Amino acid sequence: MTTKLIQIRQGSVRKVGLVDEPHIRMLAEYATVYDLANAAISEGITLPKLVPRLLTDVSLDYDQLYNGQSDGRILPAADHPAEPARCLVTGTGLTHMASVKNRHAMHAKDEELTDS
């Protein structure tokens, strides 16, 4: 089982939630994934073992949050409290199977390489 965490801001309050589609189940105590990870390290356990102990009865609708239809705002997946401007979130950009197939086909061609 994968532990999918999300950071959100509601007004001036930061929170961490567990994605349990179609909802986000909110966690108690920790306002950032950074703090949560440090707590797991301090306890000598993994996040998947710590997170269930912190789940609350509060949940949010993931689609409403994602679509901007709630008072919350999704934050970067993880950030550092001392240097928030240095947060870099990256990905492959391959969001669906057609992208993956097209990219694979592009690199699999036996044609002569060009600078384009």
PDB file of N, CA and C in Angstrom:
ATOM      1  N   MET A   1       0.838  -1.185   0.000  1.00  0.00           N
ATOM      2  CA  MET A   1       0.000   0.000   0.000  1.00  0.00           C
ATOM      3  C   MET A   1       0.883   1.249   0.000  1.00  0.00           C
ATOM      4  N   THR A   2       0.547   2.204  -0.839  1.00  0.00           N
ATOM      5  CA  THR A   2       1.296   3.440  -0.946  1.00  0.00           C
ATOM      6  C   THR A   2       0.692   4.489  -0.016  1.00  0.00           C
ATOM      7  N   THR A   3       1.554   5.238   0.642  1.00  0.00           N
ATOM      8  CA  THR A   3       1.107   6.328   1.496  1.00  0.00           C
ATOM      9  C   THR A   3       1.200   7.614   0.689  1.00  0.00           C
ATOM     10  N   LYS A   4       0.062   8.131   0.258  1.00  0.00           N
ATOM     11  CA  LYS A   4       0.019   9.348  -0.543  1.00  0.00           C
ATOM     12  C   LYS A   4      -0.351  10.516   0.361  1.00  0.00           C
ATOM     13  N   LEU A   5       0.612  11.374   0.610  1.00  0.00           N
ATOM     14  CA  LEU A   5       0.396  12.520   1.481  1.00  0.00           C
ATOM     15  C   LEU A   5       0.229  13.790   0.666  1.00  0.00           C
ATOM     16  N   ILE A   6      -0.491  14.747   1.229  1.00  0.00           N
ATOM     17  CA  ILE A   6      -0.714  16.025   0.580  1.00  0.00           C
ATOM     18  C   ILE A   6      -0.618  17.122   1.644  1.00  0.00           C
ATOM     19  N   GLN A   7      -0.050  18.238   1.265  1.00  0.00           N
ATOM     20  CA  GLN A   7      -0.001  19.406   2.145  1.00  0.00           C
ATOM     21  C   GLN A   7      -1.012  20.413   1.620  1.00  0.00           C
ATOM     22  N   ILE A   8      -1.772  20.999   2.539  1.00  0.00           N
ATOM     23  CA  ILE A   8      -2.730  22.018   2.134  1.00  0.00           C
ATOM     24  C   ILE A   8      -2.638  23.202   3.086  1.00  0.00           C
ATOM     25  N   ARG A   9      -3.178  24.311   2.626  1.00  0.00           N
ATOM     26  CA  ARG A   9      -3.290  25.515   3.457  1.00  0.00           C
ATOM     27  C   ARG A   9      -4.766  25.909   3.455  1.00  0.00           C
ATOM     28  N   GLN A  10      -5.289  26.114   4.657  1.00  0.00           N
ATOM     29  CA  GLN A  10      -6.646  26.637   4.818  1.00  0.00           C
ATOM     30  C   GLN A  10      -6.513  27.937   5.592  1.00  0.00           C
ATOM     31  N   GLY A  11      -6.663  29.047   4.898  1.00  0.00           N
ATOM     32  CA  GLY A  11      -6.396  30.348   5.513  1.00  0.00           C
ATOM     33  C   GLY A  11      -4.915  30.431   5.836  1.00  0.00           C
ATOM     34  N   SER A  12      -4.580  30.650   7.093  1.00  0.00           N
ATOM     35  CA  SER A  12      -3.169  30.707   7.494  1.00  0.00           C
ATOM     36  C   SER A  12      -2.690  29.399   8.121  1.00  0.00           C
ATOM     37  N   VAL A  13      -3.554  28.383   8.121  1.00  0.00           N
ATOM     38  CA  VAL A  13      -3.240  27.115   8.771  1.00  0.00           C
ATOM     39  C   VAL A  13      -2.800  26.076   7.737  1.00  0.00           C
ATOM     40  N   ARG A  14      -1.629  25.478   7.993  1.00  0.00           N
ATOM     41  CA  ARG A  14      -1.144  24.384   7.137  1.00  0.00           C
ATOM     42  C   ARG A  14      -1.555  23.062   7.750  1.00  0.00           C
ATOM     43  N   LYS A  15      -1.832  22.077   6.882  1.00  0.00           N
ATOM     44  CA  LYS A  15      -2.240  20.754   7.341  1.00  0.00           C
ATOM     45  C   LYS A  15      -1.673  19.702   6.408  1.00  0.00           C
ATOM     46  N   VAL A  16      -1.580  18.482   6.928  1.00  0.00           N
ATOM     47  CA  VAL A  16      -1.165  17.333   6.122  1.00  0.00           C
ATOM     48  C   VAL A  16      -2.323  16.360   6.087  1.00  0.00           C
ATOM     49  N   GLY A  17      -2.559  15.775   4.918  1.00  0.00           N
ATOM     50  CA  GLY A  17      -3.629  14.804   4.782  1.00  0.00           C
ATOM     51  C   GLY A  17      -3.152  13.566   4.046  1.00  0.00           C
ATOM     52  N   LEU A  18      -3.886  12.502   4.224  1.00  0.00           N
ATOM     53  CA  LEU A  18      -3.650  11.249   3.516  1.00  0.00           C
ATOM     54  C   LEU A  18      -4.675  11.159   2.401  1.00  0.00           C
ATOM     55  N   VAL A  19      -4.217  10.989   1.172  1.00  0.00           N
ATOM     56  CA  VAL A  19      -5.127  10.862   0.043  1.00  0.00           C
ATOM     57  C   VAL A  19      -5.758   9.471   0.111  1.00  0.00           C
ATOM     58  N   ASP A  20      -7.074   9.470   0.246  1.00  0.00           N
ATOM     59  CA  ASP A  20      -7.875   8.250   0.296  1.00  0.00           C
ATOM     60  C   ASP A  20      -9.070   8.525  -0.610  1.00  0.00           C
ATOM     61  N   GLU A  21      -8.786   8.523  -1.926  1.00  0.00           N
ATOM     62  CA  GLU A  21      -9.754   9.001  -2.908  1.00  0.00           C
ATOM     63  C   GLU A  21     -11.120   8.365  -2.707  1.00  0.00           C
ATOM     64  N   PRO A  22     -12.148   9.184  -2.800  1.00  0.00           N
ATOM     65  CA  PRO A  22     -12.179  10.562  -3.293  1.00  0.00           C
ATOM     66  C   PRO A  22     -12.005  11.609  -2.191  1.00  0.00           C
ATOM     67  N   HIS A  23     -11.459  11.207  -1.062  1.00  0.00           N
ATOM     68  CA  HIS A  23     -11.303  12.132   0.063  1.00  0.00           C
ATOM     69  C   HIS A  23      -9.839  12.303   0.445  1.00  0.00           C
ATOM     70  N   ILE A  24      -9.617  13.301   1.264  1.00  0.00           N
ATOM     71  CA  ILE A  24      -8.330  13.504   1.925  1.00  0.00           C
ATOM     72  C   ILE A  24      -8.625  13.420   3.415  1.00  0.00           C
ATOM     73  N   ARG A  25      -8.011  12.453   4.072  1.00  0.00           N
ATOM     74  CA  ARG A  25      -8.201  12.287   5.512  1.00  0.00           C
ATOM     75  C   ARG A  25      -7.110  13.064   6.234  1.00  0.00           C
ATOM     76  N   MET A  26      -7.507  13.994   7.080  1.00  0.00           N
ATOM     77  CA  MET A  26      -6.562  14.896   7.721  1.00  0.00           C
ATOM     78  C   MET A  26      -5.823  14.219   8.880  1.00  0.00           C
ATOM     79  N   LEU A  27      -4.571  14.630   9.062  1.00  0.00           N
ATOM     80  CA  LEU A  27      -3.732  14.117  10.137  1.00  0.00           C
ATOM     81  C   LEU A  27      -3.682  15.114  11.288  1.00  0.00           C
ATOM     82  N   ALA A  28      -3.496  14.608  12.484  1.00  0.00           N
ATOM     83  CA  ALA A  28      -3.345  15.450  13.675  1.00  0.00           C
ATOM     84  C   ALA A  28      -1.866  15.753  13.889  1.00  0.00           C
ATOM     85  N   GLU A  29      -1.597  16.776  14.635  1.00  0.00           N
ATOM     86  CA  GLU A  29      -0.284  17.152  15.153  1.00  0.00           C
ATOM     87  C   GLU A  29       0.649  17.839  14.172  1.00  0.00           C
ATOM     88  N   TYR A  30       0.876  17.307  13.004  1.00  0.00           N
ATOM     89  CA  TYR A  30       1.922  17.827  12.124  1.00  0.00           C
ATOM     90  C   TYR A  30       1.342  18.659  10.989  1.00  0.00           C
ATOM     91  N   ALA A  31       1.913  19.844  10.791  1.00  0.00           N
ATOM     92  CA  ALA A  31       1.428  20.778   9.782  1.00  0.00           C
ATOM     93  C   ALA A  31       2.156  20.640   8.458  1.00  0.00           C
ATOM     94  N   THR A  32       3.283  19.915   8.438  1.00  0.00           N
ATOM     95  CA  THR A  32       4.055  19.763   7.202  1.00  0.00           C
ATOM     96  C   THR A  32       4.554  18.327   7.073  1.00  0.00           C
ATOM     97  N   VAL A  33       4.782  17.926   5.839  1.00  0.00           N
ATOM     98  CA  VAL A  33       5.364  16.605   5.591  1.00  0.00           C
ATOM     99  C   VAL A  33       6.776  16.546   6.169  1.00  0.00           C
ATOM    100  N   TYR A  34       7.471  17.663   6.147  1.00  0.00           N
ATOM    101  CA  TYR A  34       8.815  17.747   6.721  1.00  0.00           C
ATOM    102  C   TYR A  34       8.788  17.384   8.205  1.00  0.00           C
ATOM    103  N   ASP A  35       7.868  17.994   8.962  1.00  0.00           N
ATOM    104  CA  ASP A  35       7.744  17.697  10.392  1.00  0.00           C
ATOM    105  C   ASP A  35       7.318  16.253  10.623  1.00  0.00           C
ATOM    106  N   LEU A  36       6.419  15.777   9.791  1.00  0.00           N
ATOM    107  CA  LEU A  36       5.946  14.395   9.894  1.00  0.00           C
ATOM    108  C   LEU A  36       7.087  13.410   9.655  1.00  0.00           C
ATOM    109  N   ALA A  37       7.891  13.666   8.631  1.00  0.00           N
ATOM    110  CA  ALA A  37       9.037  12.799   8.333  1.00  0.00           C
ATOM    111  C   ALA A  37      10.052  12.815   9.465  1.00  0.00           C
ATOM    112  N   ASN A  38      10.307  13.989  10.015  1.00  0.00           N
ATOM    113  CA  ASN A  38      11.236  14.073  11.154  1.00  0.00           C
ATOM    114  C   ASN A  38      10.717  13.301  12.366  1.00  0.00           C
ATOM    115  N   ALA A  39       9.409  13.327  12.578  1.00  0.00           N
ATOM    116  CA  ALA A  39       8.823  12.571  13.691  1.00  0.00           C
ATOM    117  C   ALA A  39       9.007  11.071  13.478  1.00  0.00           C
ATOM    118  N   ALA A  40       8.792  10.619  12.251  1.00  0.00           N
ATOM    119  CA  ALA A  40       8.977   9.194  11.944  1.00  0.00           C
ATOM    120  C   ALA A  40      10.431   8.787  12.158  1.00  0.00           C
ATOM    121  N   ILE A  41      11.349   9.625  11.712  1.00  0.00           N
ATOM    122  CA  ILE A  41      12.777   9.345  11.902  1.00  0.00           C
ATOM    123  C   ILE A  41      13.109   9.283  13.386  1.00  0.00           C
ATOM    124  N   SER A  42      12.596  10.229  14.164  1.00  0.00           N
ATOM    125  CA  SER A  42      12.855  10.263  15.607  1.00  0.00           C
ATOM    126  C   SER A  42      12.337   9.012  16.312  1.00  0.00           C
ATOM    127  N   GLU A  43      11.196   8.505  15.830  1.00  0.00           N
ATOM    128  CA  GLU A  43      10.619   7.304  16.432  1.00  0.00           C
ATOM    129  C   GLU A  43      11.214   6.024  15.861  1.00  0.00           C
ATOM    130  N   GLY A  44      12.011   6.152  14.807  1.00  0.00           N
ATOM    131  CA  GLY A  44      12.621   4.981  14.184  1.00  0.00           C
ATOM    132  C   GLY A  44      11.621   4.108  13.445  1.00  0.00           C
ATOM    133  N   ILE A  45      10.578   4.761  12.886  1.00  0.00           N
ATOM    134  CA  ILE A  45       9.568   4.019  12.125  1.00  0.00           C
ATOM    135  C   ILE A  45       9.373   4.671  10.763  1.00  0.00           C
ATOM    136  N   THR A  46       8.628   4.002   9.905  1.00  0.00           N
ATOM    137  CA  THR A  46       8.357   4.527   8.572  1.00  0.00           C
ATOM    138  C   THR A  46       7.088   5.384   8.599  1.00  0.00           C
ATOM    139  N   LEU A  47       6.933   6.212   7.579  1.00  0.00           N
ATOM    140  CA  LEU A  47       5.716   7.008   7.465  1.00  0.00           C
ATOM    141  C   LEU A  47       4.459   6.133   7.399  1.00  0.00           C
ATOM    142  N   PRO A  48       4.477   5.022   6.629  1.00  0.00           N
ATOM    143  CA  PRO A  48       3.274   4.179   6.604  1.00  0.00           C
ATOM    144  C   PRO A  48       2.890   3.612   7.976  1.00  0.00           C
ATOM    145  N   LYS A  49       3.820   3.547   8.902  1.00  0.00           N
ATOM    146  CA  LYS A  49       3.473   3.091  10.253  1.00  0.00           C
ATOM    147  C   LYS A  49       3.003   4.244  11.130  1.00  0.00           C
ATOM    148  N   LEU A  50       3.518   5.439  10.905  1.00  0.00           N
ATOM    149  CA  LEU A  50       3.154   6.594  11.720  1.00  0.00           C
ATOM    150  C   LEU A  50       1.815   7.196  11.304  1.00  0.00           C
ATOM    151  N   VAL A  51       1.575   7.329  10.024  1.00  0.00           N
ATOM    152  CA  VAL A  51       0.399   8.035   9.512  1.00  0.00           C
ATOM    153  C   VAL A  51      -0.923   7.480  10.061  1.00  0.00           C
ATOM    154  N   PRO A  52      -1.160   6.174  10.080  1.00  0.00           N
ATOM    155  CA  PRO A  52      -2.451   5.688  10.593  1.00  0.00           C
ATOM    156  C   PRO A  52      -2.729   6.098  12.043  1.00  0.00           C
ATOM    157  N   ARG A  53      -1.697   6.252  12.828  1.00  0.00           N
ATOM    158  CA  ARG A  53      -1.873   6.669  14.227  1.00  0.00           C
ATOM    159  C   ARG A  53      -2.340   8.119  14.343  1.00  0.00           C
ATOM    160  N   LEU A  54      -2.142   8.905  13.292  1.00  0.00           N
ATOM    161  CA  LEU A  54      -2.439  10.338  13.330  1.00  0.00           C
ATOM    162  C   LEU A  54      -3.722  10.726  12.607  1.00  0.00           C
ATOM    163  N   LEU A  55      -4.394   9.762  11.978  1.00  0.00           N
ATOM    164  CA  LEU A  55      -5.598  10.078  11.224  1.00  0.00           C
ATOM    165  C   LEU A  55      -6.707  10.594  12.132  1.00  0.00           C
ATOM    166  N   THR A  56      -7.408  11.620  11.672  1.00  0.00           N
ATOM    167  CA  THR A  56      -8.538  12.178  12.404  1.00  0.00           C
ATOM    168  C   THR A  56      -9.823  11.808  11.671  1.00  0.00           C
ATOM    169  N   ASP A  57     -10.950  12.226  12.222  1.00  0.00           N
ATOM    170  CA  ASP A  57     -12.241  12.003  11.565  1.00  0.00           C
ATOM    171  C   ASP A  57     -12.553  13.089  10.537  1.00  0.00           C
ATOM    172  N   VAL A  58     -11.680  14.075  10.421  1.00  0.00           N
ATOM    173  CA  VAL A  58     -11.893  15.184   9.491  1.00  0.00           C
ATOM    174  C   VAL A  58     -11.422  14.774   8.101  1.00  0.00           C
ATOM    175  N   SER A  59     -12.267  15.002   7.103  1.00  0.00           N
ATOM    176  CA  SER A  59     -11.862  14.713   5.723  1.00  0.00           C
ATOM    177  C   SER A  59     -12.343  15.828   4.811  1.00  0.00           C
ATOM    178  N   LEU A  60     -11.674  15.936   3.673  1.00  0.00           N
ATOM    179  CA  LEU A  60     -12.013  16.928   2.654  1.00  0.00           C
ATOM    180  C   LEU A  60     -12.299  16.198   1.354  1.00  0.00           C
ATOM    181  N   ASP A  61     -13.072  16.806   0.497  1.00  0.00           N
ATOM    182  CA  ASP A  61     -13.330  16.259  -0.823  1.00  0.00           C
ATOM    183  C   ASP A  61     -12.151  16.622  -1.726  1.00  0.00           C
ATOM    184  N   TYR A  62     -11.445  15.607  -2.224  1.00  0.00           N
ATOM    185  CA  TYR A  62     -10.240  15.836  -3.031  1.00  0.00           C
ATOM    186  C   TYR A  62     -10.559  16.640  -4.289  1.00  0.00           C
ATOM    187  N   ASP A  63     -11.619  16.271  -5.012  1.00  0.00           N
ATOM    188  CA  ASP A  63     -11.945  16.965  -6.261  1.00  0.00           C
ATOM    189  C   ASP A  63     -12.266  18.432  -6.023  1.00  0.00           C
ATOM    190  N   GLN A  64     -13.014  18.748  -4.965  1.00  0.00           N
ATOM    191  CA  GLN A  64     -13.338  20.139  -4.673  1.00  0.00           C
ATOM    192  C   GLN A  64     -12.071  20.934  -4.357  1.00  0.00           C
ATOM    193  N   LEU A  65     -11.185  20.337  -3.580  1.00  0.00           N
ATOM    194  CA  LEU A  65      -9.929  21.010  -3.247  1.00  0.00           C
ATOM    195  C   LEU A  65      -9.107  21.234  -4.515  1.00  0.00           C
ATOM    196  N   TYR A  66      -8.958  20.199  -5.317  1.00  0.00           N
ATOM    197  CA  TYR A  66      -8.161  20.262  -6.543  1.00  0.00           C
ATOM    198  C   TYR A  66      -8.718  21.303  -7.522  1.00  0.00           C
ATOM    199  N   ASN A  67     -10.033  21.392  -7.609  1.00  0.00           N
ATOM    200  CA  ASN A  67     -10.672  22.305  -8.561  1.00  0.00           C
ATOM    201  C   ASN A  67     -10.874  23.711  -8.011  1.00  0.00           C
ATOM    202  N   GLY A  68     -10.349  23.995  -6.817  1.00  0.00           N
ATOM    203  CA  GLY A  68     -10.465  25.321  -6.236  1.00  0.00           C
ATOM    204  C   GLY A  68     -11.850  25.651  -5.728  1.00  0.00           C
ATOM    205  N   GLN A  69     -12.649  24.622  -5.420  1.00  0.00           N
ATOM    206  CA  GLN A  69     -14.017  24.834  -4.967  1.00  0.00           C
ATOM    207  C   GLN A  69     -14.142  24.720  -3.447  1.00  0.00           C
ATOM    208  N   SER A  70     -13.031  24.809  -2.735  1.00  0.00           N
ATOM    209  CA  SER A  70     -13.066  24.777  -1.273  1.00  0.00           C
ATOM    210  C   SER A  70     -12.169  25.890  -0.756  1.00  0.00           C
ATOM    211  N   ASP A  71     -12.149  26.066   0.548  1.00  0.00           N
ATOM    212  CA  ASP A  71     -11.335  27.138   1.112  1.00  0.00           C
ATOM    213  C   ASP A  71      -9.864  26.746   1.244  1.00  0.00           C
ATOM    214  N   GLY A  72      -9.523  25.542   0.877  1.00  0.00           N
ATOM    215  CA  GLY A  72      -8.134  25.096   0.966  1.00  0.00           C
ATOM    216  C   GLY A  72      -7.376  25.278  -0.328  1.00  0.00           C
ATOM    217  N   ARG A  73      -6.057  25.208  -0.217  1.00  0.00           N
ATOM    218  CA  ARG A  73      -5.178  25.322  -1.380  1.00  0.00           C
ATOM    219  C   ARG A  73      -4.110  24.245  -1.281  1.00  0.00           C
ATOM    220  N   ILE A  74      -3.866  23.521  -2.354  1.00  0.00           N
ATOM    221  CA  ILE A  74      -2.841  22.485  -2.372  1.00  0.00           C
ATOM    222  C   ILE A  74      -1.464  23.140  -2.422  1.00  0.00           C
ATOM    223  N   LEU A  75      -0.571  22.670  -1.581  1.00  0.00           N
ATOM    224  CA  LEU A  75       0.801  23.158  -1.522  1.00  0.00           C
ATOM    225  C   LEU A  75       1.733  22.149  -2.194  1.00  0.00           C
ATOM    226  N   PRO A  76       2.996  22.492  -2.400  1.00  0.00           N
ATOM    227  CA  PRO A  76       3.946  21.509  -2.926  1.00  0.00           C
ATOM    228  C   PRO A  76       3.958  20.255  -2.042  1.00  0.00           C
ATOM    229  N   ALA A  77       4.300  19.140  -2.643  1.00  0.00           N
ATOM    230  CA  ALA A  77       4.273  17.854  -1.930  1.00  0.00           C
ATOM    231  C   ALA A  77       5.134  17.871  -0.675  1.00  0.00           C
ATOM    232  N   ALA A  78       6.241  18.553  -0.726  1.00  0.00           N
ATOM    233  CA  ALA A  78       7.129  18.681   0.435  1.00  0.00           C
ATOM    234  C   ALA A  78       7.909  19.972   0.278  1.00  0.00           C
ATOM    235  N   ASP A  79       8.206  20.615   1.388  1.00  0.00           N
ATOM    236  CA  ASP A  79       9.029  21.817   1.355  1.00  0.00           C
ATOM    237  C   ASP A  79       9.815  21.910   2.646  1.00  0.00           C
ATOM    238  N   HIS A  80      10.774  22.798   2.659  1.00  0.00           N
ATOM    239  CA  HIS A  80      11.648  22.955   3.821  1.00  0.00           C
ATOM    240  C   HIS A  80      11.308  24.272   4.506  1.00  0.00           C
ATOM    241  N   PRO A  81      11.099  24.249   5.836  1.00  0.00           N
ATOM    242  CA  PRO A  81      10.676  25.470   6.520  1.00  0.00           C
ATOM    243  C   PRO A  81      11.688  26.616   6.453  1.00  0.00           C
ATOM    244  N   ALA A  82      12.966  26.313   6.414  1.00  0.00           N
ATOM    245  CA  ALA A  82      13.983  27.369   6.393  1.00  0.00           C
ATOM    246  C   ALA A  82      14.220  27.922   4.998  1.00  0.00           C
ATOM    247  N   GLU A  83      13.926  27.142   3.966  1.00  0.00           N
ATOM    248  CA  GLU A  83      14.185  27.585   2.594  1.00  0.00           C
ATOM    249  C   GLU A  83      13.035  27.189   1.670  1.00  0.00           C
ATOM    250  N   PRO A  84      11.837  27.722   1.894  1.00  0.00           N
ATOM    251  CA  PRO A  84      10.691  27.324   1.071  1.00  0.00           C
ATOM    252  C   PRO A  84      10.836  27.692  -0.403  1.00  0.00           C
ATOM    253  N   ALA A  85      11.628  28.706  -0.716  1.00  0.00           N
ATOM    254  CA  ALA A  85      11.795  29.121  -2.110  1.00  0.00           C
ATOM    255  C   ALA A  85      12.615  28.114  -2.912  1.00  0.00           C
ATOM    256  N   ARG A  86      13.288  27.217  -2.238  1.00  0.00           N
ATOM    257  CA  ARG A  86      14.109  26.237  -2.946  1.00  0.00           C
ATOM    258  C   ARG A  86      13.380  24.934  -3.223  1.00  0.00           C
ATOM    259  N   CYS A  87      12.066  24.944  -3.085  1.00  0.00           N
ATOM    260  CA  CYS A  87      11.277  23.755  -3.363  1.00  0.00           C
ATOM    261  C   CYS A  87      11.188  23.558  -4.875  1.00  0.00           C
ATOM    262  N   LEU A  88      11.468  22.360  -5.327  1.00  0.00           N
ATOM    263  CA  LEU A  88      11.394  22.038  -6.744  1.00  0.00           C
ATOM    264  C   LEU A  88      10.590  20.755  -6.898  1.00  0.00           C
ATOM    265  N   VAL A  89       9.475  20.852  -7.580  1.00  0.00           N
ATOM    266  CA  VAL A  89       8.628  19.695  -7.817  1.00  0.00           C
ATOM    267  C   VAL A  89       8.757  19.348  -9.295  1.00  0.00           C
ATOM    268  N   THR A  90       9.157  18.123  -9.582  1.00  0.00           N
ATOM    269  CA  THR A  90       9.344  17.727 -10.971  1.00  0.00           C
ATOM    270  C   THR A  90       8.607  16.438 -11.262  1.00  0.00           C
ATOM    271  N   GLY A  91       8.505  16.139 -12.504  1.00  0.00           N
ATOM    272  CA  GLY A  91       7.878  14.898 -12.942  1.00  0.00           C
ATOM    273  C   GLY A  91       8.268  14.642 -14.374  1.00  0.00           C
ATOM    274  N   THR A  92       7.835  13.528 -14.892  1.00  0.00           N
ATOM    275  CA  THR A  92       8.190  13.173 -16.260  1.00  0.00           C
ATOM    276  C   THR A  92       7.363  13.927 -17.280  1.00  0.00           C
ATOM    277  N   GLY A  93       6.208  14.410 -16.887  1.00  0.00           N
ATOM    278  CA  GLY A  93       5.307  15.035 -17.840  1.00  0.00           C
ATOM    279  C   GLY A  93       4.477  14.009 -18.586  1.00  0.00           C
ATOM    280  N   LEU A  94       4.721  12.742 -18.328  1.00  0.00           N
ATOM    281  CA  LEU A  94       3.977  11.675 -18.999  1.00  0.00           C
ATOM    282  C   LEU A  94       2.749  11.352 -18.156  1.00  0.00           C
ATOM    283  N   THR A  95       1.650  11.990 -18.519  1.00  0.00           N
ATOM    284  CA  THR A  95       0.460  11.879 -17.688  1.00  0.00           C
ATOM    285  C   THR A  95      -0.545  10.842 -18.168  1.00  0.00           C
ATOM    286  N   HIS A  96      -0.317  10.271 -19.329  1.00  0.00           N
ATOM    287  CA  HIS A  96      -1.223   9.224 -19.792  1.00  0.00           C
ATOM    288  C   HIS A  96      -0.473   8.287 -20.726  1.00  0.00           C
ATOM    289  N   MET A  97      -1.072   7.162 -21.002  1.00  0.00           N
ATOM    290  CA  MET A  97      -0.391   6.112 -21.776  1.00  0.00           C
ATOM    291  C   MET A  97       0.029   6.564 -23.175  1.00  0.00           C
ATOM    292  N   ALA A  98      -0.745   7.416 -23.822  1.00  0.00           N
ATOM    293  CA  ALA A  98      -0.367   7.875 -25.165  1.00  0.00           C
ATOM    294  C   ALA A  98       0.958   8.625 -25.117  1.00  0.00           C
ATOM    295  N   SER A  99       1.177   9.429 -24.088  1.00  0.00           N
ATOM    296  CA  SER A  99       2.441  10.153 -23.948  1.00  0.00           C
ATOM    297  C   SER A  99       3.600   9.178 -23.805  1.00  0.00           C
ATOM    298  N   VAL A 100       3.401   8.159 -22.992  1.00  0.00           N
ATOM    299  CA  VAL A 100       4.448   7.165 -22.772  1.00  0.00           C
ATOM    300  C   VAL A 100       4.767   6.438 -24.071  1.00  0.00           C
ATOM    301  N   LYS A 101       3.740   6.010 -24.800  1.00  0.00           N
ATOM    302  CA  LYS A 101       3.950   5.281 -26.061  1.00  0.00           C
ATOM    303  C   LYS A 101       4.644   6.155 -27.099  1.00  0.00           C
ATOM    304  N   ASN A 102       4.217   7.411 -27.221  1.00  0.00           N
ATOM    305  CA  ASN A 102       4.831   8.316 -28.194  1.00  0.00           C
ATOM    306  C   ASN A 102       6.292   8.585 -27.860  1.00  0.00           C
ATOM    307  N   ARG A 103       6.586   8.773 -26.589  1.00  0.00           N
ATOM    308  CA  ARG A 103       7.975   9.021 -26.180  1.00  0.00           C
ATOM    309  C   ARG A 103       8.834   7.793 -26.466  1.00  0.00           C
ATOM    310  N   HIS A 104       8.300   6.630 -26.152  1.00  0.00           N
ATOM    311  CA  HIS A 104       9.040   5.392 -26.402  1.00  0.00           C
ATOM    312  C   HIS A 104       9.291   5.214 -27.900  1.00  0.00           C
ATOM    313  N   ALA A 105       8.285   5.470 -28.718  1.00  0.00           N
ATOM    314  CA  ALA A 105       8.436   5.331 -30.170  1.00  0.00           C
ATOM    315  C   ALA A 105       9.477   6.306 -30.700  1.00  0.00           C
ATOM    316  N   MET A 106       9.498   7.514 -30.167  1.00  0.00           N
ATOM    317  CA  MET A 106      10.451   8.527 -30.607  1.00  0.00           C
ATOM    318  C   MET A 106      11.886   8.066 -30.349  1.00  0.00           C
ATOM    319  N   HIS A 107      12.128   7.446 -29.200  1.00  0.00           N
ATOM    320  CA  HIS A 107      13.476   7.020 -28.849  1.00  0.00           C
ATOM    321  C   HIS A 107      13.845   5.664 -29.441  1.00  0.00           C
ATOM    322  N   ALA A 108      12.868   4.940 -29.945  1.00  0.00           N
ATOM    323  CA  ALA A 108      13.130   3.604 -30.481  1.00  0.00           C
ATOM    324  C   ALA A 108      13.445   3.611 -31.980  1.00  0.00           C
ATOM    325  N   LYS A 109      13.316   4.752 -32.643  1.00  0.00           N
ATOM    326  CA  LYS A 109      13.549   4.829 -34.090  1.00  0.00           C
ATOM    327  C   LYS A 109      15.000   4.515 -34.425  1.00  0.00           C
ATOM    328  N   ASP A 110      15.198   3.836 -35.550  1.00  0.00           N
ATOM    329  CA  ASP A 110      16.545   3.469 -36.011  1.00  0.00           C
ATOM    330  C   ASP A 110      17.076   4.464 -37.025  1.00  0.00           C
ATOM    331  N   GLU A 111      16.428   5.600 -37.125  1.00  0.00           N
ATOM    332  CA  GLU A 111      16.851   6.596 -38.103  1.00  0.00           C
ATOM    333  C   GLU A 111      18.145   7.270 -37.632  1.00  0.00           C
ATOM    334  N   GLU A 112      18.789   7.927 -38.597  1.00  0.00           N
ATOM    335  CA  GLU A 112      19.990   8.679 -38.286  1.00  0.00           C
ATOM    336  C   GLU A 112      19.655   9.842 -37.353  1.00  0.00           C
ATOM    337  N   LEU A 113      20.450  10.033 -36.336  1.00  0.00           N
ATOM    338  CA  LEU A 113      20.211  11.106 -35.369  1.00  0.00           C
ATOM    339  C   LEU A 113      20.509  12.451 -35.996  1.00  0.00           C
ATOM    340  N   THR A 114      19.688  13.428 -35.663  1.00  0.00           N
ATOM    341  CA  THR A 114      19.918  14.802 -36.116  1.00  0.00           C
ATOM    342  C   THR A 114      19.962  15.700 -34.889  1.00  0.00           C
ATOM    343  N   ASP A 115      20.268  16.964 -35.111  1.00  0.00           N
ATOM    344  CA  ASP A 115      20.312  17.889 -33.985  1.00  0.00           C
ATOM    345  C   ASP A 115      18.927  18.422 -33.615  1.00  0.00           C
ATOM    346  N   SER A 116      17.893  17.960 -34.298  1.00  0.00           N
ATOM    347  CA  SER A 116      16.532  18.393 -33.971  1.00  0.00           C
ATOM    348  C   SER A 116      15.923  17.325 -33.113  1.00  0.00           C
TER     349      SER A 116
END
